[in-house]
Protein backbone atom coordinates (compact mmCIF):
# COMPACT_ATOMS: atom_id res chain seq x y z
CA UNK A 1 -36.07 38.60 -15.08
CA UNK A 2 -35.24 35.14 -16.36
CA UNK A 3 -36.10 32.28 -13.98
CA UNK A 4 -33.17 29.98 -14.84
CA UNK A 5 -31.69 27.88 -12.00
CA UNK A 6 -28.36 28.92 -10.56
CA UNK A 7 -25.32 26.65 -10.62
CA UNK A 8 -25.80 25.81 -6.97
CA UNK A 9 -29.41 24.80 -7.61
CA UNK A 10 -28.33 22.62 -10.53
CA UNK A 11 -25.85 20.77 -8.33
CA UNK A 12 -28.52 20.03 -5.79
CA UNK A 13 -27.53 18.42 -2.51
CA UNK A 14 -24.16 17.16 -3.76
CA UNK A 15 -22.58 20.59 -3.87
CA UNK A 16 -18.94 21.08 -3.05
CA UNK A 17 -18.96 19.55 0.38
CA UNK A 18 -16.21 17.53 1.95
CA UNK A 19 -15.17 14.25 0.46
CA UNK A 20 -16.32 11.22 2.42
CA UNK A 21 -13.69 9.73 4.71
CA UNK A 22 -11.89 6.68 3.42
CA UNK A 23 -12.44 3.52 5.38
CA UNK A 24 -9.33 2.05 6.96
CA UNK A 25 -8.64 -1.10 5.05
CA UNK A 26 -6.24 -3.65 6.44
CA UNK A 27 -3.18 -4.21 4.30
CA UNK A 28 -2.58 -7.35 2.29
CA UNK A 29 -0.18 -8.70 4.91
CA UNK A 30 -2.65 -8.41 7.81
CA UNK A 31 -3.56 -12.12 7.86
CA UNK A 32 0.11 -13.11 8.01
CA UNK A 33 1.81 -10.72 10.45
CA UNK A 34 0.55 -9.76 13.90
CA UNK A 35 3.59 -7.67 14.83
CA UNK A 36 5.83 -5.34 12.79
CA UNK A 37 8.44 -7.09 10.63
CA UNK A 38 11.42 -5.96 8.60
CA UNK A 39 11.29 -6.58 4.86
CA UNK A 40 14.21 -6.59 2.45
CA UNK A 41 14.63 -6.52 -1.30
CA UNK A 42 17.57 -6.34 -3.70
CA UNK A 43 17.14 -4.65 -7.06
CA UNK A 44 19.98 -3.96 -9.50
CA UNK A 45 22.54 -4.68 -6.80
CA UNK A 46 21.07 -2.20 -4.33
CA UNK A 47 19.50 -3.31 -1.05
CA UNK A 48 16.19 -1.82 0.16
CA UNK A 49 14.48 -2.19 3.53
CA UNK A 50 10.86 -1.61 4.48
CA UNK A 51 8.67 -2.34 7.48
CA UNK A 52 5.50 -4.45 7.54
CA UNK A 53 3.20 -2.89 10.12
CA UNK A 54 0.95 -4.82 12.49
CA UNK A 55 -2.00 -3.67 10.35
CA UNK A 56 -0.53 -5.45 7.34
CA UNK A 57 0.61 -2.39 5.43
CA UNK A 58 4.15 -1.73 4.22
CA UNK A 59 6.03 1.40 5.23
CA UNK A 60 8.74 2.35 2.76
CA UNK A 61 10.38 5.78 2.52
CA UNK A 62 7.85 7.35 4.91
CA UNK A 63 4.85 6.20 2.84
CA UNK A 64 2.36 3.45 3.59
CA UNK A 65 1.40 0.92 0.93
CA UNK A 66 -1.52 -1.50 1.13
CA UNK A 67 0.16 -4.25 -0.87
CA UNK A 68 3.67 -5.60 -1.45
CA UNK A 69 3.32 -4.93 -5.17
CA UNK A 70 2.52 -1.25 -4.60
CA UNK A 71 5.63 -0.93 -2.43
CA UNK A 72 7.73 -2.72 -5.07
CA UNK A 73 6.50 -0.26 -7.71
CA UNK A 74 7.99 2.54 -5.60
CA UNK A 75 11.40 1.03 -6.43
CA UNK A 76 10.84 -0.54 -9.85
CA UNK A 77 9.13 2.16 -11.87
CA UNK A 78 9.44 0.51 -15.29
CA UNK A 79 7.49 -2.64 -16.03
CA UNK A 80 5.56 -4.87 -13.71
CA UNK A 81 6.81 -6.44 -10.52
CA UNK A 82 5.19 -9.03 -8.27
CA UNK A 83 5.73 -7.66 -4.77
CA UNK A 84 5.09 -11.05 -3.16
CA UNK A 85 8.22 -12.37 -4.91
CA UNK A 86 10.17 -9.09 -4.67
CA UNK A 87 10.08 -8.53 -0.88
CA UNK A 88 11.62 -10.99 1.60
CA UNK A 89 11.01 -11.45 5.31
CA UNK A 90 12.88 -13.41 7.97
CA UNK A 91 11.11 -16.67 8.79
CA UNK A 92 11.29 -18.36 12.23
CA UNK A 93 14.42 -20.27 11.15
CA UNK A 94 16.18 -16.95 10.48
CA UNK A 95 16.27 -17.28 6.69
CA UNK A 96 15.22 -14.45 4.34
CA UNK A 97 12.44 -15.90 2.18
CA UNK A 98 9.99 -14.29 -0.29
CA UNK A 99 6.62 -13.15 1.02
CA UNK A 100 5.09 -15.56 -1.48
CA UNK A 101 5.87 -18.43 0.90
CA UNK A 102 3.19 -17.06 3.26
CA UNK A 103 0.39 -17.67 0.77
């Protein structure tokens, strides 16, 4: 018989095991918000609302996004969009201002 290695032997220790767990990374808004906040955006005359979590991530349509830009891309599928300018939050004076003012 031929002594060629099997596929499993070729793969070695890597094999087809489980994927490593992803580390929990704090969202981009984590340094700015310590409690959940409502976010708003208006695009093509339609109003959208999202929630900034205490961990700094954005929850929009039952999905979590790590950055404001990623959440903005869920709405604006064509072209590029800066999420820091797109989303607005209510500041302590009660005005809706862009997230960019936090930076």
